[in-house]
Protein backbone atom coordinates (compact mmCIF):
# COMPACT_ATOMS: atom_id res chain seq x y z
CA MET A 1 9.90 9.13 -10.32
CA PHE A 2 7.01 11.59 -10.43
CA LEU A 3 3.52 12.07 -11.86
CA SER A 4 3.43 15.02 -14.25
CA ILE A 5 -0.13 14.83 -15.62
CA LEU A 6 -3.35 13.35 -14.24
CA GLU A 7 -6.58 13.06 -16.23
CA LEU A 8 -9.85 11.74 -14.84
CA HIS A 9 -13.00 10.61 -16.65
CA HIS A 10 -16.17 9.79 -14.68
CA PHE A 11 -14.09 8.97 -11.61
CA ARG A 12 -16.05 9.34 -8.34
CA ASN A 13 -17.41 12.92 -8.27
CA ASP A 14 -15.08 14.30 -10.97
CA ARG A 15 -16.39 16.13 -14.01
CA GLY A 16 -13.50 15.30 -16.29
CA GLY A 17 -10.28 17.28 -16.13
CA ARG A 18 -6.52 17.53 -16.46
CA LEU A 19 -4.01 18.47 -13.78
CA VAL A 20 -0.31 19.17 -14.24
CA PHE A 21 2.00 18.59 -11.29
CA ALA A 22 5.48 19.75 -10.38
CA PRO A 23 8.10 17.16 -9.35
CA LYS A 24 7.74 18.13 -5.68
CA GLY A 25 4.02 17.42 -5.57
CA ALA A 26 0.91 19.26 -4.42
CA LEU A 27 -1.23 20.23 -1.46
CA ILE A 28 -4.84 19.29 -2.21
CA ARG A 29 -7.14 21.45 -0.13
CA GLY A 30 -10.90 21.65 0.31
CA GLY A 31 -13.80 21.06 2.63
CA ASN A 32 -15.14 17.71 3.71
CA ALA A 33 -16.65 15.46 1.01
CA GLN A 34 -15.38 17.64 -1.83
CA GLY A 35 -13.16 15.01 -3.47
CA LYS A 36 -9.67 15.47 -1.99
CA SER A 37 -9.20 11.79 -1.17
CA ASN A 38 -10.55 10.86 -4.60
CA LEU A 39 -7.49 12.41 -6.24
CA LEU A 40 -5.18 10.28 -4.12
CA GLU A 41 -7.30 7.23 -4.91
CA ALA A 42 -6.96 7.98 -8.63
CA ILE A 43 -3.16 8.15 -8.34
CA TYR A 44 -3.23 4.88 -6.40
CA PHE A 45 -5.13 3.30 -9.30
CA LEU A 46 -2.22 4.23 -11.59
CA SER A 47 0.14 2.48 -9.20
CA LEU A 48 -1.69 -0.71 -8.20
CA GLY A 49 -4.66 -0.87 -10.53
CA LYS A 50 -7.27 -0.91 -7.78
CA SER A 51 -9.02 1.30 -5.25
CA SER A 52 -7.07 2.29 -2.14
CA ARG A 53 -10.34 2.00 -0.20
CA GLY A 54 -11.08 -1.56 -1.23
CA ALA A 55 -14.04 -0.45 -3.37
CA ALA A 56 -15.25 -2.51 -6.30
CA ASP A 57 -14.41 -0.99 -9.69
CA ALA A 58 -18.10 -0.48 -10.49
CA ASP A 59 -18.51 1.61 -7.33
CA VAL A 60 -15.74 4.01 -8.36
CA ALA A 61 -17.54 5.22 -11.51
CA SER A 62 -19.49 8.46 -11.23
CA TYR A 63 -23.19 8.27 -10.50
CA GLU A 64 -25.16 6.65 -13.35
CA GLU A 65 -21.98 6.06 -15.38
CA GLN A 66 -21.00 2.61 -16.62
CA GLY A 67 -17.26 3.05 -16.27
CA PHE A 68 -14.34 5.37 -15.59
CA GLY A 69 -10.85 6.19 -16.78
CA VAL A 70 -7.68 7.40 -15.07
CA ARG A 71 -4.72 8.48 -17.17
CA GLY A 72 -1.32 9.59 -15.91
CA GLU A 73 1.99 10.58 -17.42
CA VAL A 74 4.96 9.46 -15.34
CA SER A 75 8.60 10.49 -15.55
CA GLY A 76 11.52 8.57 -14.12
CA ALA A 77 15.16 7.69 -14.63
CA GLY A 78 14.25 5.45 -17.57
CA GLY A 79 12.21 8.15 -19.35
CA SER A 80 8.52 9.01 -19.49
CA PHE A 81 5.52 6.78 -20.09
CA ALA A 82 1.73 6.94 -19.90
CA ILE A 83 -0.56 4.73 -17.81
CA PHE A 84 -4.26 4.41 -18.56
CA VAL A 85 -6.62 2.49 -16.30
CA GLU A 86 -10.01 1.94 -17.90
CA TYR A 87 -13.07 0.22 -16.48
CA ASP A 88 -16.24 -0.60 -18.39
CA ALA A 89 -19.17 -2.40 -16.79
CA ALA A 90 -19.54 -4.66 -19.83
CA LEU A 91 -15.87 -5.22 -20.70
CA GLY A 92 -14.21 -5.13 -17.28
CA LYS A 93 -10.91 -3.46 -16.42
CA ARG A 94 -8.03 -2.91 -18.80
CA ILE A 95 -4.69 -1.24 -18.20
CA TYR A 96 -2.49 0.30 -20.87
CA ILE A 97 1.15 1.37 -20.86
CA ASP A 98 1.91 3.78 -23.71
CA GLY A 99 -1.20 2.51 -25.49
CA GLN A 100 -0.35 -1.19 -25.16
CA VAL A 101 -2.78 -3.24 -23.08
CA LEU A 102 -1.27 -5.33 -20.29
CA PRO A 103 -2.22 -9.03 -20.32
CA ARG A 104 -2.84 -8.96 -16.55
CA VAL A 105 -3.65 -6.19 -14.08
CA SER A 106 -0.88 -7.47 -11.79
CA GLU A 107 1.74 -6.52 -14.41
CA LEU A 108 1.15 -2.87 -13.55
CA ILE A 109 2.47 -3.36 -10.00
CA GLY A 110 5.97 -1.98 -9.56
CA ARG A 111 6.03 0.22 -12.68
CA PHE A 112 4.88 3.34 -10.81
CA PRO A 113 5.45 2.65 -7.10
CA SER A 114 3.56 4.61 -4.49
CA VAL A 115 3.01 4.66 -0.74
CA LEU A 116 -0.33 5.72 0.77
CA PHE A 117 -1.10 6.90 4.29
CA SER A 118 -4.75 7.24 5.28
CA PRO A 119 -6.02 7.82 8.82
CA GLU A 120 -9.01 5.60 7.94
CA ASN A 121 -6.61 2.64 7.92
CA VAL A 122 -4.96 3.19 11.31
CA ASP A 123 -7.21 0.83 13.28
CA LEU A 124 -7.80 -1.55 10.37
CA ILE A 125 -4.08 -2.06 9.80
CA LEU A 126 -2.47 -1.77 13.19
CA ARG A 127 -5.13 -3.40 15.38
CA PHE A 128 -5.33 -6.64 13.37
CA PRO A 129 -2.63 -9.08 12.17
CA ALA A 130 -4.25 -9.48 8.73
CA GLY A 131 -3.92 -5.74 8.13
CA ARG A 132 -0.25 -5.74 9.07
CA ARG A 133 0.45 -8.69 6.78
CA ARG A 134 -1.41 -6.94 3.99
CA ILE A 135 0.65 -3.73 4.07
CA LEU A 136 3.87 -5.75 4.16
CA ASP A 137 2.75 -7.86 1.19
CA ALA A 138 1.66 -4.77 -0.78
CA LEU A 139 5.07 -3.20 -0.23
CA LEU A 140 7.04 -6.28 -1.24
CA ALA A 141 4.84 -6.84 -4.30
CA GLN A 142 5.91 -3.42 -5.59
CA GLU A 143 9.55 -4.18 -4.86
CA SER A 144 9.73 -7.70 -6.34
CA ARG A 145 7.74 -9.42 -9.09
CA GLU A 146 9.09 -12.74 -7.80
CA TYR A 147 7.54 -12.05 -4.42
CA LEU A 148 4.20 -11.20 -6.03
CA ALA A 149 4.30 -14.46 -8.01
CA ASP A 150 5.12 -16.46 -4.85
CA LEU A 151 2.29 -14.73 -2.99
CA PHE A 152 -0.27 -15.55 -5.69
CA ARG A 153 0.95 -19.15 -5.85
CA TYR A 154 0.90 -19.54 -2.07
CA ARG A 155 -2.66 -18.26 -1.84
CA ARG A 156 -3.84 -20.62 -4.57
CA VAL A 157 -2.18 -23.62 -2.93
CA LEU A 158 -3.47 -22.60 0.50
CA THR A 159 -7.03 -22.37 -0.84
CA GLN A 160 -6.78 -25.85 -2.40
CA ARG A 161 -5.24 -27.33 0.74
CA ASN A 162 -7.94 -25.85 2.96
CA ARG A 163 -10.64 -27.26 0.69
CA LEU A 164 -8.99 -30.64 0.91
CA LEU A 165 -8.80 -30.44 4.70
CA LYS A 166 -12.54 -29.77 4.82
CA ARG A 167 -13.16 -32.79 2.56
CA ILE A 168 -11.03 -34.97 4.81
CA THR A 169 -12.89 -33.70 7.86
CA GLN A 170 -16.30 -34.34 6.33
CA ALA A 171 -15.65 -37.55 4.36
CA GLY A 172 -12.83 -39.14 6.34
CA VAL A 173 -10.65 -39.73 3.24
CA GLN A 174 -7.00 -40.70 3.68
CA ALA A 175 -5.07 -37.59 4.63
CA ASP A 176 -1.37 -38.23 4.00
CA ARG A 177 -1.62 -39.34 0.39
CA LEU A 178 -3.81 -36.38 -0.58
CA LEU A 179 -2.06 -33.66 1.43
CA HIS A 180 1.57 -34.53 0.68
CA PRO A 181 1.91 -32.73 -2.72
CA TRP A 182 0.16 -29.65 -1.38
CA ASP A 183 2.37 -29.64 1.73
CA GLU A 184 5.50 -29.62 -0.40
CA GLU A 185 4.41 -26.73 -2.59
CA LEU A 186 3.04 -24.73 0.34
CA ALA A 187 6.35 -25.16 2.18
CA VAL A 188 8.50 -24.04 -0.76
CA CYS A 189 6.45 -20.90 -1.51
CA GLY A 190 5.83 -20.18 2.17
CA ALA A 191 9.52 -20.38 3.08
CA ARG A 192 10.44 -17.90 0.34
CA ILE A 193 7.71 -15.50 1.48
CA VAL A 194 8.80 -15.66 5.12
CA ARG A 195 12.47 -15.13 4.28
CA LYS A 196 11.63 -12.10 2.16
CA ARG A 197 9.33 -10.65 4.80
CA MET A 198 11.89 -11.08 7.57
CA ALA A 199 14.61 -9.39 5.53
CA ALA A 200 12.25 -6.52 4.68
CA VAL A 201 11.17 -6.00 8.30
CA GLY A 202 14.81 -5.92 9.36
CA GLU A 203 15.52 -3.21 6.81
CA LEU A 204 12.32 -1.27 7.47
CA GLU A 205 12.94 -1.20 11.22
CA GLN A 206 15.99 1.02 10.87
CA SER A 207 14.03 3.80 9.15
CA PHE A 208 10.84 3.17 11.13
CA VAL A 209 12.58 3.66 14.49
CA ARG A 210 14.21 6.88 13.30
CA PHE A 211 11.03 8.34 11.83
CA TYR A 212 8.94 7.48 14.88
CA ARG A 213 11.54 9.11 17.11
CA ASP A 214 11.52 12.25 14.93
CA LEU A 215 7.73 12.47 14.89
CA THR A 216 7.58 12.20 18.69
CA SER A 217 10.59 14.50 19.25
CA GLY A 218 12.55 11.67 20.79
CA GLY A 219 10.04 11.12 23.57
CA GLU A 220 9.26 7.52 22.65
CA GLU A 221 11.21 4.56 21.32
CA ALA A 222 9.68 2.09 18.89
CA SER A 223 10.68 -1.32 17.61
CA VAL A 224 9.23 -3.93 15.25
CA THR A 225 9.45 -7.73 15.18
CA TYR A 226 8.34 -10.37 12.69
CA LYS A 227 6.61 -13.28 14.46
CA LYS A 228 6.78 -16.60 12.59
CA THR A 229 4.46 -19.56 13.06
CA VAL A 230 7.17 -21.82 11.61
CA SER A 231 10.54 -21.33 13.32
CA PHE A 232 13.80 -22.05 11.50
CA GLU A 233 17.38 -21.04 12.16
CA ASP A 234 18.73 -20.83 8.61
CA GLU A 235 17.44 -20.73 5.04
CA ASP A 236 18.42 -24.32 4.26
CA GLY A 237 16.25 -25.59 7.08
CA ALA A 238 13.17 -23.52 6.22
CA VAL A 239 11.36 -25.93 3.89
CA PRO A 240 11.98 -29.11 5.98
CA ARG A 241 10.91 -27.27 9.13
CA PHE A 242 7.79 -26.02 7.37
CA ILE A 243 6.83 -29.56 6.32
CA GLU A 244 7.59 -30.85 9.80
CA MET A 245 5.21 -28.29 11.31
CA LEU A 246 2.45 -29.20 8.83
CA ASN A 247 2.84 -32.86 9.77
CA LYS A 248 2.86 -32.03 13.47
CA LYS A 249 -0.40 -30.08 13.23
CA ARG A 250 -2.10 -32.40 10.76
CA GLY A 251 -4.58 -33.87 13.21
CA GLU A 252 -5.58 -30.46 14.54
CA GLU A 253 -5.87 -29.05 11.01
CA ILE A 254 -8.16 -31.89 9.95
CA ARG A 255 -10.38 -31.22 12.96
CA MET A 256 -10.43 -27.47 12.25
CA GLY A 257 -10.63 -27.74 8.45
CA TYR A 258 -7.92 -25.17 7.63
CA THR A 259 -4.14 -24.66 7.64
CA LEU A 260 -2.75 -23.43 10.97
CA SER A 261 0.89 -22.63 10.11
CA GLY A 262 2.56 -20.47 7.50
CA PRO A 263 2.97 -16.84 6.43
CA HIS A 264 -0.82 -16.40 6.32
CA ARG A 265 -0.75 -16.78 10.12
CA ASP A 266 2.41 -14.80 10.85
CA ASP A 267 2.39 -11.33 12.38
CA VAL A 268 4.31 -8.07 12.52
CA ARG A 269 4.38 -6.68 16.06
CA ILE A 270 5.16 -3.06 16.87
CA TYR A 271 6.29 -1.96 20.32
CA VAL A 272 6.52 1.53 21.85
CA ASN A 273 8.66 1.88 24.95
CA GLY A 274 8.57 -1.90 25.25
CA HIS A 275 4.76 -2.14 25.22
CA ASP A 276 2.75 -3.90 22.51
CA LEU A 277 1.26 -1.07 20.45
CA GLN A 278 -1.66 -3.20 19.22
CA ARG A 279 -2.81 -3.85 22.78
CA PHE A 280 -1.81 -0.73 24.68
CA GLY A 281 -1.25 2.03 22.11
CA SER A 282 -3.29 5.24 22.12
CA GLN A 283 -4.90 6.51 18.93
CA GLY A 284 -2.15 9.13 18.62
CA GLN A 285 0.57 6.51 18.98
CA LEU A 286 -1.12 4.27 16.40
CA LYS A 287 -1.31 7.12 13.89
CA SER A 288 2.32 8.12 14.49
CA ALA A 289 3.41 4.49 14.12
CA LEU A 290 1.57 3.99 10.83
CA LEU A 291 2.93 7.28 9.49
CA ALA A 292 6.49 6.33 10.49
CA TRP A 293 5.99 2.91 8.87
CA LYS A 294 4.80 4.52 5.62
CA LEU A 295 7.79 6.86 5.55
CA ALA A 296 10.01 3.83 6.06
CA GLU A 297 8.28 2.16 3.09
CA VAL A 298 9.28 5.11 0.91
CA VAL A 299 12.94 4.68 1.89
CA PHE A 300 12.71 0.92 1.34
CA LEU A 301 11.38 1.30 -2.21
CA GLN A 302 13.89 4.02 -3.02
CA ARG A 303 16.79 1.81 -1.99
CA ALA A 304 15.43 -1.08 -4.03
CA SER A 305 14.88 0.85 -7.28
CA GLU A 306 17.10 3.94 -6.79
CA GLN A 307 14.02 6.04 -7.57
CA TRP A 308 11.68 7.76 -5.14
CA PRO A 309 8.13 6.38 -5.08
CA VAL A 310 5.26 8.86 -4.94
CA LEU A 311 4.02 9.44 -1.39
CA LEU A 312 0.27 10.00 -0.85
CA LEU A 313 -0.69 11.48 2.52
CA ASP A 314 -4.42 11.78 3.17
CA ASP A 315 -5.48 14.20 5.90
CA VAL A 316 -2.10 13.74 7.54
CA PHE A 317 -2.10 17.03 9.47
CA SER A 318 -5.33 16.36 11.35
CA GLU A 319 -4.78 15.85 15.08
CA LEU A 320 -1.10 16.82 14.77
CA ASP A 321 0.05 19.91 16.64
CA ARG A 322 2.21 22.48 14.87
CA ARG A 323 5.45 21.01 16.24
CA ARG A 324 4.69 17.58 14.82
CA CYS A 325 3.48 19.08 11.53
CA LEU A 326 6.79 20.91 11.13
CA ALA A 327 8.70 17.77 12.07
CA LEU A 328 6.82 15.86 9.36
CA LEU A 329 7.50 18.56 6.76
CA GLU A 330 11.20 18.42 7.60
CA LEU A 331 11.14 14.67 6.92
CA LEU A 332 9.19 15.13 3.68
CA SER A 333 11.84 17.52 2.37
CA GLN A 334 14.12 14.48 2.03
CA PHE A 335 11.69 12.61 -0.25
CA GLY A 336 10.54 12.82 -3.87
CA GLN A 337 7.05 13.73 -5.04
CA VAL A 338 4.45 14.06 -2.27
CA PHE A 339 0.70 14.67 -2.46
CA LEU A 340 -1.04 15.86 0.70
CA THR A 341 -4.68 16.56 1.44
CA ALA A 342 -5.95 18.98 4.07
CA ALA A 343 -9.44 20.17 4.97
CA ARG A 344 -8.19 23.61 5.92
CA GLU A 345 -5.04 25.63 5.50
CA LYS A 346 -2.57 25.50 8.36
CA ASP A 347 0.17 28.03 8.86
CA LEU A 348 2.82 25.77 7.33
CA PRO A 349 5.59 26.62 4.84
CA LEU A 350 4.30 24.34 2.07
CA SER A 351 4.69 26.80 -0.81
CA GLU A 352 8.28 27.51 0.24
CA MET A 353 8.95 23.79 -0.04
CA GLY A 354 7.76 23.70 -3.65
CA PHE A 355 4.24 22.31 -3.15
CA GLU A 356 1.68 23.56 -5.64
CA GLU A 357 -1.85 24.07 -4.34
CA VAL A 358 -4.99 22.45 -5.72
CA ILE A 359 -8.30 23.59 -4.26
CA ILE A 360 -11.30 21.28 -4.69
CA GLU A 361 -14.90 22.42 -4.49
CA GLN A 362 -17.65 19.90 -5.34
CA GLY A 363 -15.41 17.93 -7.65
CA THR A 364 -13.96 20.98 -9.43
CA CYS A 365 -10.22 21.55 -9.12
CA ILE A 366 -8.69 25.01 -9.12
CA GLN A 367 -4.95 24.81 -9.61
CA ALA A 368 -2.66 27.65 -8.58
CA ALA A 369 -0.76 29.27 -11.42
CA SER A 370 2.94 28.48 -11.63
CA GLU A 371 5.74 28.66 -14.14
CA GLN A 372 5.99 24.88 -13.81
CA LEU A 373 2.37 24.35 -14.82
CA SER A 374 1.02 24.43 -18.34
CA ALA A 375 -1.03 27.44 -19.33
CA ASP A 376 -4.27 25.45 -19.60
CA ALA A 377 -3.98 23.78 -16.19
CA GLY A 378 -5.16 26.66 -14.04
CA GLN A 379 -8.67 25.31 -13.58
CA SER A 380 -10.40 22.08 -14.47
CA ALA A 381 -13.26 19.90 -13.40
CA CYS A 382 -11.96 16.83 -11.63
């Protein structure tokens, strides 16, 4: 699967433009604060319908504009289709597939899968359990609509149960009668989420270990473990064990006013040479680990759909020496379409690998000429 055309309208600092991409991808080059990361964010919008930076939709529109639009044409094994993400301050956000509006934004997820690496997220993701849960959930949501539905349902039930726990704490109402139906539903959804996460981590670990070893030239060994707050030996025992744990912690939960067990409290732990990366890892190790994890996500999604997701690598070459840059490029040669950003040109064989070059200066994109690009795509404002 690859993105062939990208059009932006009032998106961040763009001035409106059209870019045509080759199946291999592109190197997006330019100085700081010129708009390189904005292009990756726009592609991410086509994939997940939201900002990769966690920005509100209104904050993504260009200065003094009331909305924005991102349009992409995507080609895959099942043919080509167009995605249009439109935001208007008065009307909200709407997403179209081949001109047909989707009833919910969440229905976009999984149609055009992507994986994003950003150095801004290294600490946010790898230092905190919530960040690690979030990247695992985002991956599985692209792989399985059933998982996404379970995740939404679990969060709704969890919110209601926590509100009820606060009411019990404050008003002293009878706990068992009120909590029982919520316990049952939380356990059923939670057990499915945990089983899916554990299976995914087991599959991801194989690629993650290999990629981390390649990026560090075999000098370090990594491993990953999923830590459950509700332990169970087999699938049949998951729901009863979940309910048992909720009952066991009921008194403590009523005192605290929130739910203490379940996938919202689980963790993914990464180890390097047997040491907990979150506690003892250097910044370089954290970046290498997140990059290896993201590469493993690409393999995971490809195995699930038999199509390569688009890989978005923001400022990936910074702080990497030439040896590690070349090792990364060797790994990327195995993948599908890749978009990379770089503040400056490094002496790397990107053009030989089929990467087109896009240079950005103050929101204007200058695209290198190529037989694979349309005649009108040489230069555009973006």
